[in-house]
C-alpha atoms as a PDB file:
ATOM      1  CA  UNK A   1      94.132 103.854  87.149  1.00  0.00           C
ATOM      2  CA  UNK A   2      96.102 105.350  84.293  1.00  0.00           C
ATOM      3  CA  UNK A   3      98.511 103.734  81.851  1.00  0.00           C
ATOM      4  CA  UNK A   4     101.579 105.768  80.972  1.00  0.00           C
ATOM      5  CA  UNK A   5     104.115 105.013  78.294  1.00  0.00           C
ATOM      6  CA  UNK A   6     107.402 106.888  78.241  1.00  0.00           C
ATOM      7  CA  UNK A   7     110.238 106.719  75.731  1.00  0.00           C
ATOM      8  CA  UNK A   8     113.025 109.265  75.915  1.00  0.00           C
ATOM      9  CA  UNK A   9     116.475 109.141  74.325  1.00  0.00           C
ATOM     10  CA  UNK A  10     119.490 111.267  75.156  1.00  0.00           C
ATOM     11  CA  UNK A  11     122.435 111.293  72.789  1.00  0.00           C
ATOM     12  CA  UNK A  12     123.880 107.848  72.191  1.00  0.00           C
ATOM     13  CA  UNK A  13     122.066 106.322  75.164  1.00  0.00           C
ATOM     14  CA  UNK A  14     119.272 103.944  74.276  1.00  0.00           C
ATOM     15  CA  UNK A  15     116.161 104.079  76.407  1.00  0.00           C
ATOM     16  CA  UNK A  16     113.898 101.156  77.161  1.00  0.00           C
ATOM     17  CA  UNK A  17     110.232 101.756  76.573  1.00  0.00           C
ATOM     18  CA  UNK A  18     107.985 100.542  79.378  1.00  0.00           C
ATOM     19  CA  UNK A  19     104.305 100.773  80.163  1.00  0.00           C
ATOM     20  CA  UNK A  20     103.175 101.079  83.766  1.00  0.00           C
ATOM     21  CA  UNK A  21      99.807 101.056  85.465  1.00  0.00           C
ATOM     22  CA  UNK A  22      99.248 103.616  88.177  1.00  0.00           C
ATOM     23  CA  UNK A  23      96.400 103.499  90.621  1.00  0.00           C
ATOM     24  CA  UNK A  24      94.781 106.687  91.883  1.00  0.00           C
ATOM     25  CA  UNK A  25      97.051 107.119  94.928  1.00  0.00           C
ATOM     26  CA  UNK A  26     100.170 106.647  92.801  1.00  0.00           C
ATOM     27  CA  UNK A  27      98.902 109.085  90.199  1.00  0.00           C
ATOM     28  CA  UNK A  28      98.286 111.646  92.960  1.00  0.00           C
ATOM     29  CA  UNK A  29     101.854 111.162  94.232  1.00  0.00           C
ATOM     30  CA  UNK A  30     103.190 111.615  90.727  1.00  0.00           C
ATOM     31  CA  UNK A  31     101.218 114.823  90.263  1.00  0.00           C
ATOM     32  CA  UNK A  32     102.369 116.073  93.669  1.00  0.00           C
ATOM     33  CA  UNK A  33     106.033 115.419  92.859  1.00  0.00           C
ATOM     34  CA  UNK A  34     105.662 117.178  89.510  1.00  0.00           C
ATOM     35  CA  UNK A  35     103.991 120.183  91.141  1.00  0.00           C
ATOM     36  CA  UNK A  36     106.600 120.417  93.910  1.00  0.00           C
ATOM     37  CA  UNK A  37     109.510 120.426  91.482  1.00  0.00           C
ATOM     38  CA  UNK A  38     107.658 122.840  89.201  1.00  0.00           C
ATOM     39  CA  UNK A  39     107.216 125.293  92.096  1.00  0.00           C
ATOM     40  CA  UNK A  40     111.008 125.441  92.281  1.00  0.00           C
ATOM     41  CA  UNK A  41     111.152 126.465  88.625  1.00  0.00           C
ATOM     42  CA  UNK A  42     112.081 123.108  87.107  1.00  0.00           C
ATOM     43  CA  UNK A  43     109.949 121.133  84.695  1.00  0.00           C
ATOM     44  CA  UNK A  44     110.055 117.362  85.096  1.00  0.00           C
ATOM     45  CA  UNK A  45     108.535 114.617  82.989  1.00  0.00           C
ATOM     46  CA  UNK A  46     106.850 111.454  84.205  1.00  0.00           C
ATOM     47  CA  UNK A  47     109.822 109.478  82.920  1.00  0.00           C
ATOM     48  CA  UNK A  48     112.227 111.659  84.906  1.00  0.00           C
ATOM     49  CA  UNK A  49     110.182 111.216  88.086  1.00  0.00           C
ATOM     50  CA  UNK A  50     110.286 107.445  87.702  1.00  0.00           C
ATOM     51  CA  UNK A  51     114.044 107.577  87.093  1.00  0.00           C
ATOM     52  CA  UNK A  52     114.494 109.854  90.135  1.00  0.00           C
ATOM     53  CA  UNK A  53     112.565 107.350  92.223  1.00  0.00           C
ATOM     54  CA  UNK A  54     114.779 104.504  91.037  1.00  0.00           C
ATOM     55  CA  UNK A  55     117.946 106.478  91.687  1.00  0.00           C
ATOM     56  CA  UNK A  56     116.764 107.394  95.186  1.00  0.00           C
ATOM     57  CA  UNK A  57     117.337 103.805  96.323  1.00  0.00           C
ATOM     58  CA  UNK A  58     120.772 103.034  97.733  1.00  0.00           C
ATOM     59  CA  UNK A  59     122.518 100.569  95.403  1.00  0.00           C
ATOM     60  CA  UNK A  60     125.808  98.965  96.431  1.00  0.00           C
ATOM     61  CA  UNK A  61     129.000  98.948  94.365  1.00  0.00           C
ATOM     62  CA  UNK A  62     128.071  95.455  93.179  1.00  0.00           C
ATOM     63  CA  UNK A  63     124.753  96.687  91.784  1.00  0.00           C
ATOM     64  CA  UNK A  64     122.499  95.201  94.442  1.00  0.00           C
ATOM     65  CA  UNK A  65     120.403  96.590  97.250  1.00  0.00           C
ATOM     66  CA  UNK A  66     120.868  95.622 100.883  1.00  0.00           C
ATOM     67  CA  UNK A  67     118.597  93.083 102.548  1.00  0.00           C
ATOM     68  CA  UNK A  68     117.324  95.894 104.766  1.00  0.00           C
ATOM     69  CA  UNK A  69     116.327  97.959 101.722  1.00  0.00           C
ATOM     70  CA  UNK A  70     114.791  94.906 100.044  1.00  0.00           C
ATOM     71  CA  UNK A  71     112.736  94.152 103.173  1.00  0.00           C
ATOM     72  CA  UNK A  72     111.564  97.755 103.267  1.00  0.00           C
ATOM     73  CA  UNK A  73     110.537  97.535  99.609  1.00  0.00           C
ATOM     74  CA  UNK A  74     108.661  94.286 100.255  1.00  0.00           C
ATOM     75  CA  UNK A  75     106.759  96.002 103.052  1.00  0.00           C
ATOM     76  CA  UNK A  76     105.834  98.852 100.707  1.00  0.00           C
ATOM     77  CA  UNK A  77     104.901  96.323  98.012  1.00  0.00           C
ATOM     78  CA  UNK A  78     102.552  94.552 100.433  1.00  0.00           C
ATOM     79  CA  UNK A  79     100.927  97.881 101.316  1.00  0.00           C
ATOM     80  CA  UNK A  80     100.528  98.697  97.626  1.00  0.00           C
ATOM     81  CA  UNK A  81      98.924  95.308  96.999  1.00  0.00           C
ATOM     82  CA  UNK A  82      96.445  95.918  99.837  1.00  0.00           C
ATOM     83  CA  UNK A  83      95.615  99.408  98.545  1.00  0.00           C
ATOM     84  CA  UNK A  84      95.176  98.138  94.995  1.00  0.00           C
ATOM     85  CA  UNK A  85      92.872  95.348  96.135  1.00  0.00           C
ATOM     86  CA  UNK A  86      94.914  92.761  94.299  1.00  0.00           C
ATOM     87  CA  UNK A  87      94.518  89.113  95.157  1.00  0.00           C
ATOM     88  CA  UNK A  88      97.407  87.712  93.102  1.00  0.00           C
ATOM     89  CA  UNK A  89      99.957  85.951  95.258  1.00  0.00           C
ATOM     90  CA  UNK A  90     103.588  86.813  94.675  1.00  0.00           C
ATOM     91  CA  UNK A  91     106.031  83.924  94.549  1.00  0.00           C
ATOM     92  CA  UNK A  92     108.660  83.928  97.248  1.00  0.00           C
END
């Protein structure tokens, strides 16, 4: 597991600094995404990959995600929890 902290500012926009924990499989995915984009001649930071991931989700005009998307994310979240070996129960 690795801890990554990113803080990037662009012009007048303020960024929010966050710290995330990545398990091995997630770190491998991150490295793979970076390598794939790099092969196409474009450098990409960890922060940009996280932002790309967030922007890849379909968000409605009202700033929400559909129930279908939310259910899909919950399914992925459950898989991540199983892979990580976590025992913490998430409140519903």
